[in-house]
PDB file of N, CA and C in Angstrom:
ATOM      1  N   UNK A   1      74.997 -55.508 364.789  1.00  0.00           N
ATOM      2  CA  UNK A   1      75.731 -54.497 363.993  1.00  0.00           C
ATOM      3  C   UNK A   1      77.091 -55.157 363.599  1.00  0.00           C
ATOM      4  N   UNK A   2      77.531 -54.753 362.431  1.00  0.00           N
ATOM      5  CA  UNK A   2      78.764 -55.225 361.773  1.00  0.00           C
ATOM      6  C   UNK A   2      79.568 -53.992 361.120  1.00  0.00           C
ATOM      7  N   UNK A   3      80.797 -54.037 361.412  1.00  0.00           N
ATOM      8  CA  UNK A   3      81.597 -53.049 360.864  1.00  0.00           C
ATOM      9  C   UNK A   3      81.574 -53.045 359.341  1.00  0.00           C
ATOM     10  N   UNK A   4      81.374 -51.924 358.781  1.00  0.00           N
ATOM     11  CA  UNK A   4      81.349 -51.895 357.321  1.00  0.00           C
ATOM     12  C   UNK A   4      82.815 -52.088 356.849  1.00  0.00           C
ATOM     13  N   UNK A   5      82.850 -52.902 355.839  1.00  0.00           N
ATOM     14  CA  UNK A   5      84.097 -53.000 355.035  1.00  0.00           C
ATOM     15  C   UNK A   5      83.639 -53.559 353.688  1.00  0.00           C
ATOM     16  N   UNK A   6      84.557 -53.381 352.609  1.00  0.00           N
ATOM     17  CA  UNK A   6      84.199 -53.860 351.279  1.00  0.00           C
ATOM     18  C   UNK A   6      84.135 -55.455 351.220  1.00  0.00           C
ATOM     19  N   UNK A   7      85.030 -56.028 351.999  1.00  0.00           N
ATOM     20  CA  UNK A   7      85.214 -57.442 352.032  1.00  0.00           C
ATOM     21  C   UNK A   7      83.883 -58.001 352.608  1.00  0.00           C
ATOM     22  N   UNK A   8      83.327 -57.380 353.713  1.00  0.00           N
ATOM     23  CA  UNK A   8      82.087 -57.744 354.243  1.00  0.00           C
ATOM     24  C   UNK A   8      80.969 -57.617 353.291  1.00  0.00           C
ATOM     25  N   UNK A   9      80.897 -56.496 352.740  1.00  0.00           N
ATOM     26  CA  UNK A   9      79.859 -56.276 351.720  1.00  0.00           C
ATOM     27  C   UNK A   9      79.845 -57.249 350.618  1.00  0.00           C
ATOM     28  N   UNK A  10      81.124 -57.680 350.028  1.00  0.00           N
ATOM     29  CA  UNK A  10      81.210 -58.690 349.152  1.00  0.00           C
ATOM     30  C   UNK A  10      80.639 -59.951 349.618  1.00  0.00           C
ATOM     31  N   UNK A  11      81.000 -60.307 350.780  1.00  0.00           N
ATOM     32  CA  UNK A  11      80.467 -61.549 351.427  1.00  0.00           C
ATOM     33  C   UNK A  11      78.956 -61.714 351.602  1.00  0.00           C
ATOM     34  N   UNK A  12      78.540 -60.454 351.977  1.00  0.00           N
ATOM     35  CA  UNK A  12      77.006 -60.387 352.228  1.00  0.00           C
ATOM     36  C   UNK A  12      76.142 -60.637 350.847  1.00  0.00           C
ATOM     37  N   UNK A  13      76.835 -60.010 349.747  1.00  0.00           N
ATOM     38  CA  UNK A  13      76.256 -60.053 348.471  1.00  0.00           C
ATOM     39  C   UNK A  13      76.334 -61.546 347.998  1.00  0.00           C
ATOM     40  N   UNK A  14      77.323 -62.133 348.319  1.00  0.00           N
ATOM     41  CA  UNK A  14      77.442 -63.539 347.972  1.00  0.00           C
ATOM     42  C   UNK A  14      76.556 -64.424 348.720  1.00  0.00           C
ATOM     43  N   UNK A  15      76.534 -64.184 349.985  1.00  0.00           N
ATOM     44  CA  UNK A  15      75.474 -65.179 350.832  1.00  0.00           C
ATOM     45  C   UNK A  15      74.104 -64.888 350.438  1.00  0.00           C
ATOM     46  N   UNK A  16      73.615 -63.668 349.894  1.00  0.00           N
ATOM     47  CA  UNK A  16      72.331 -63.338 349.412  1.00  0.00           C
ATOM     48  C   UNK A  16      72.010 -63.554 347.881  1.00  0.00           C
ATOM     49  N   UNK A  17      73.037 -63.987 347.186  1.00  0.00           N
ATOM     50  CA  UNK A  17      73.104 -64.237 345.875  1.00  0.00           C
ATOM     51  C   UNK A  17      72.744 -62.894 345.020  1.00  0.00           C
ATOM     52  N   UNK A  18      73.245 -61.770 345.409  1.00  0.00           N
ATOM     53  CA  UNK A  18      73.066 -60.412 344.890  1.00  0.00           C
ATOM     54  C   UNK A  18      74.230 -60.105 344.000  1.00  0.00           C
ATOM     55  N   UNK A  19      73.855 -59.618 342.887  1.00  0.00           N
ATOM     56  CA  UNK A  19      74.852 -59.237 341.868  1.00  0.00           C
ATOM     57  C   UNK A  19      75.102 -57.693 341.991  1.00  0.00           C
ATOM     58  N   UNK A  20      76.144 -57.180 341.465  1.00  0.00           N
ATOM     59  CA  UNK A  20      76.646 -55.739 341.407  1.00  0.00           C
ATOM     60  C   UNK A  20      75.353 -54.975 340.870  1.00  0.00           C
ATOM     61  N   UNK A  21      74.899 -55.513 339.639  1.00  0.00           N
ATOM     62  CA  UNK A  21      73.867 -54.714 338.889  1.00  0.00           C
ATOM     63  C   UNK A  21      72.568 -54.786 339.778  1.00  0.00           C
ATOM     64  N   UNK A  22      72.329 -55.632 340.571  1.00  0.00           N
ATOM     65  CA  UNK A  22      71.178 -55.676 341.380  1.00  0.00           C
ATOM     66  C   UNK A  22      71.173 -54.496 342.261  1.00  0.00           C
ATOM     67  N   UNK A  23      72.460 -54.260 342.916  1.00  0.00           N
ATOM     68  CA  UNK A  23      72.582 -53.317 344.035  1.00  0.00           C
ATOM     69  C   UNK A  23      72.750 -51.951 343.353  1.00  0.00           C
ATOM     70  N   UNK A  24      73.405 -51.843 342.282  1.00  0.00           N
ATOM     71  CA  UNK A  24      73.508 -50.662 341.331  1.00  0.00           C
ATOM     72  C   UNK A  24      72.261 -50.026 341.124  1.00  0.00           C
ATOM     73  N   UNK A  25      71.268 -50.961 340.611  1.00  0.00           N
ATOM     74  CA  UNK A  25      69.898 -50.419 340.104  1.00  0.00           C
ATOM     75  C   UNK A  25      69.258 -49.901 341.463  1.00  0.00           C
ATOM     76  N   UNK A  26      69.276 -50.623 342.542  1.00  0.00           N
ATOM     77  CA  UNK A  26      68.632 -50.176 343.730  1.00  0.00           C
ATOM     78  C   UNK A  26      69.088 -48.967 344.269  1.00  0.00           C
ATOM     79  N   UNK A  27      70.597 -48.590 343.961  1.00  0.00           N
ATOM     80  CA  UNK A  27      71.121 -47.347 344.554  1.00  0.00           C
ATOM     81  C   UNK A  27      71.023 -46.196 343.568  1.00  0.00           C
ATOM     82  N   UNK A  28      70.361 -46.544 342.231  1.00  0.00           N
ATOM     83  CA  UNK A  28      70.178 -45.592 341.156  1.00  0.00           C
ATOM     84  C   UNK A  28      71.622 -45.064 340.733  1.00  0.00           C
ATOM     85  N   UNK A  29      72.531 -45.995 340.609  1.00  0.00           N
ATOM     86  CA  UNK A  29      73.844 -45.604 340.104  1.00  0.00           C
ATOM     87  C   UNK A  29      74.184 -46.564 338.978  1.00  0.00           C
ATOM     88  N   UNK A  30      75.109 -46.260 338.094  1.00  0.00           N
ATOM     89  CA  UNK A  30      75.556 -47.181 337.060  1.00  0.00           C
ATOM     90  C   UNK A  30      76.371 -48.431 337.649  1.00  0.00           C
ATOM     91  N   UNK A  31      76.432 -49.452 336.821  1.00  0.00           N
ATOM     92  CA  UNK A  31      77.194 -50.496 337.202  1.00  0.00           C
ATOM     93  C   UNK A  31      78.796 -50.093 337.337  1.00  0.00           C
ATOM     94  N   UNK A  32      79.142 -49.311 336.427  1.00  0.00           N
ATOM     95  CA  UNK A  32      80.525 -48.850 336.594  1.00  0.00           C
ATOM     96  C   UNK A  32      80.858 -48.048 337.844  1.00  0.00           C
ATOM     97  N   UNK A  33      79.864 -47.146 338.206  1.00  0.00           N
ATOM     98  CA  UNK A  33      80.091 -46.316 339.385  1.00  0.00           C
ATOM     99  C   UNK A  33      80.126 -47.448 340.700  1.00  0.00           C
ATOM    100  N   UNK A  34      79.157 -48.463 340.751  1.00  0.00           N
ATOM    101  CA  UNK A  34      79.057 -49.303 341.883  1.00  0.00           C
ATOM    102  C   UNK A  34      80.297 -50.201 341.952  1.00  0.00           C
ATOM    103  N   UNK A  35      80.958 -50.520 340.657  1.00  0.00           N
ATOM    104  CA  UNK A  35      82.172 -51.367 340.803  1.00  0.00           C
ATOM    105  C   UNK A  35      83.309 -50.523 341.276  1.00  0.00           C
ATOM    106  N   UNK A  36      83.268 -49.280 340.914  1.00  0.00           N
ATOM    107  CA  UNK A  36      84.321 -48.293 341.402  1.00  0.00           C
ATOM    108  C   UNK A  36      84.302 -48.301 342.940  1.00  0.00           C
ATOM    109  N   UNK A  37      83.037 -48.198 343.511  1.00  0.00           N
ATOM    110  CA  UNK A  37      82.921 -48.196 344.785  1.00  0.00           C
ATOM    111  C   UNK A  37      83.259 -49.425 345.628  1.00  0.00           C
ATOM    112  N   UNK A  38      82.993 -50.580 344.872  1.00  0.00           N
ATOM    113  CA  UNK A  38      83.136 -51.863 345.374  1.00  0.00           C
ATOM    114  C   UNK A  38      84.579 -52.252 345.451  1.00  0.00           C
ATOM    115  N   UNK A  39      85.473 -51.776 344.464  1.00  0.00           N
ATOM    116  CA  UNK A  39      86.818 -52.075 344.489  1.00  0.00           C
ATOM    117  C   UNK A  39      87.582 -50.789 345.260  1.00  0.00           C
ATOM    118  N   UNK A  40      87.026 -49.949 345.885  1.00  0.00           N
ATOM    119  CA  UNK A  40      87.643 -48.924 346.708  1.00  0.00           C
ATOM    120  C   UNK A  40      88.282 -47.805 346.060  1.00  0.00           C
ATOM    121  N   UNK A  41      87.914 -47.668 344.703  1.00  0.00           N
ATOM    122  CA  UNK A  41      88.362 -46.341 343.962  1.00  0.00           C
ATOM    123  C   UNK A  41      87.687 -45.122 344.429  1.00  0.00           C
ATOM    124  N   UNK A  42      86.516 -45.319 344.739  1.00  0.00           N
ATOM    125  CA  UNK A  42      85.576 -44.124 345.213  1.00  0.00           C
ATOM    126  C   UNK A  42      84.930 -44.705 346.548  1.00  0.00           C
ATOM    127  N   UNK A  43      84.304 -43.840 347.189  1.00  0.00           N
ATOM    128  CA  UNK A  43      83.600 -44.155 348.570  1.00  0.00           C
ATOM    129  C   UNK A  43      82.181 -44.255 348.228  1.00  0.00           C
ATOM    130  N   UNK A  44      81.506 -45.070 349.038  1.00  0.00           N
ATOM    131  CA  UNK A  44      79.924 -45.034 349.063  1.00  0.00           C
ATOM    132  C   UNK A  44      79.643 -43.811 349.970  1.00  0.00           C
ATOM    133  N   UNK A  45      78.479 -43.239 349.530  1.00  0.00           N
ATOM    134  CA  UNK A  45      77.958 -41.985 350.358  1.00  0.00           C
ATOM    135  C   UNK A  45      77.310 -42.732 351.662  1.00  0.00           C
ATOM    136  N   UNK A  46      76.994 -41.824 352.573  1.00  0.00           N
ATOM    137  CA  UNK A  46      76.262 -42.276 353.750  1.00  0.00           C
ATOM    138  C   UNK A  46      74.840 -42.673 353.289  1.00  0.00           C
ATOM    139  N   UNK A  47      74.283 -42.056 352.489  1.00  0.00           N
ATOM    140  CA  UNK A  47      72.952 -42.280 351.845  1.00  0.00           C
ATOM    141  C   UNK A  47      72.900 -43.730 351.275  1.00  0.00           C
ATOM    142  N   UNK A  48      73.998 -44.001 350.410  1.00  0.00           N
ATOM    143  CA  UNK A  48      74.187 -45.241 349.869  1.00  0.00           C
ATOM    144  C   UNK A  48      74.405 -46.413 350.833  1.00  0.00           C
ATOM    145  N   UNK A  49      75.073 -46.190 351.873  1.00  0.00           N
ATOM    146  CA  UNK A  49      75.336 -47.190 352.850  1.00  0.00           C
ATOM    147  C   UNK A  49      73.998 -47.518 353.773  1.00  0.00           C
ATOM    148  N   UNK A  50      73.321 -46.505 353.981  1.00  0.00           N
ATOM    149  CA  UNK A  50      71.979 -46.708 354.630  1.00  0.00           C
ATOM    150  C   UNK A  50      71.157 -47.487 353.716  1.00  0.00           C
ATOM    151  N   UNK A  51      71.192 -47.286 352.427  1.00  0.00           N
ATOM    152  CA  UNK A  51      70.257 -47.983 351.490  1.00  0.00           C
ATOM    153  C   UNK A  51      70.824 -49.451 351.441  1.00  0.00           C
ATOM    154  N   UNK A  52      72.086 -49.614 351.347  1.00  0.00           N
ATOM    155  CA  UNK A  52      72.629 -50.974 351.406  1.00  0.00           C
ATOM    156  C   UNK A  52      72.277 -51.906 352.615  1.00  0.00           C
ATOM    157  N   UNK A  53      72.352 -51.082 353.770  1.00  0.00           N
ATOM    158  CA  UNK A  53      72.025 -51.866 354.999  1.00  0.00           C
ATOM    159  C   UNK A  53      70.645 -52.345 355.005  1.00  0.00           C
ATOM    160  N   UNK A  54      69.704 -51.547 354.371  1.00  0.00           N
ATOM    161  CA  UNK A  54      68.393 -52.071 354.297  1.00  0.00           C
ATOM    162  C   UNK A  54      68.140 -53.111 353.306  1.00  0.00           C
ATOM    163  N   UNK A  55      68.804 -53.084 352.229  1.00  0.00           N
ATOM    164  CA  UNK A  55      68.727 -54.172 351.264  1.00  0.00           C
ATOM    165  C   UNK A  55      69.340 -55.487 351.780  1.00  0.00           C
ATOM    166  N   UNK A  56      70.413 -55.410 352.457  1.00  0.00           N
ATOM    167  CA  UNK A  56      71.065 -56.544 353.034  1.00  0.00           C
ATOM    168  C   UNK A  56      70.639 -57.091 354.392  1.00  0.00           C
ATOM    169  N   UNK A  57      69.573 -56.158 354.997  1.00  0.00           N
ATOM    170  CA  UNK A  57      69.039 -56.522 356.352  1.00  0.00           C
ATOM    171  C   UNK A  57      70.162 -56.658 357.311  1.00  0.00           C
ATOM    172  N   UNK A  58      71.008 -55.705 357.394  1.00  0.00           N
ATOM    173  CA  UNK A  58      72.157 -55.566 358.387  1.00  0.00           C
ATOM    174  C   UNK A  58      72.262 -54.050 358.810  1.00  0.00           C
ATOM    175  N   UNK A  59      72.822 -53.807 359.976  1.00  0.00           N
ATOM    176  CA  UNK A  59      73.204 -52.579 360.325  1.00  0.00           C
ATOM    177  C   UNK A  59      74.628 -52.275 360.409  1.00  0.00           C
ATOM    178  N   UNK A  60      75.110 -51.530 359.588  1.00  0.00           N
ATOM    179  CA  UNK A  60      76.532 -51.185 359.511  1.00  0.00           C
ATOM    180  C   UNK A  60      77.054 -50.210 360.441  1.00  0.00           C
ATOM    181  N   UNK A  61      78.148 -50.416 361.135  1.00  0.00           N
ATOM    182  CA  UNK A  61      78.777 -49.477 361.880  1.00  0.00           C
ATOM    183  C   UNK A  61      80.076 -49.120 361.020  1.00  0.00           C
ATOM    184  N   UNK A  62      80.114 -47.732 360.898  1.00  0.00           N
ATOM    185  CA  UNK A  62      81.382 -47.186 360.055  1.00  0.00           C
ATOM    186  C   UNK A  62      82.378 -46.781 361.017  1.00  0.00           C
ATOM    187  N   UNK A  63      83.638 -47.303 361.005  1.00  0.00           N
ATOM    188  CA  UNK A  63      84.661 -47.011 361.855  1.00  0.00           C
ATOM    189  C   UNK A  63      84.830 -45.344 362.114  1.00  0.00           C
ATOM    190  N   UNK A  64      84.966 -45.048 363.185  1.00  0.00           N
ATOM    191  CA  UNK A  64      84.928 -43.538 363.458  1.00  0.00           C
ATOM    192  C   UNK A  64      83.629 -42.835 363.537  1.00  0.00           C
ATOM    193  N   UNK A  65      82.445 -43.529 363.309  1.00  0.00           N
ATOM    194  CA  UNK A  65      81.087 -42.973 363.271  1.00  0.00           C
ATOM    195  C   UNK A  65      80.169 -43.678 364.205  1.00  0.00           C
ATOM    196  N   UNK A  66      80.783 -44.491 365.202  1.00  0.00           N
ATOM    197  CA  UNK A  66      80.084 -45.106 366.129  1.00  0.00           C
ATOM    198  C   UNK A  66      79.133 -44.236 366.944  1.00  0.00           C
TER     199      UNK A  66
END
């Protein structure tokens, strides 16, 4: 398990060659909405985080939710 952070998410995306559009499509949100979440302007929902963890084959721990 890894603690979720935007920096960790960006790193995992880079490691796996995934683009923002790839993940936005899988989450069924716009590229603009995904970018807003990735830059910290808005937050990912728990549902979105669960889906991201499946897509990236990792288990996220959210600080305060252990």
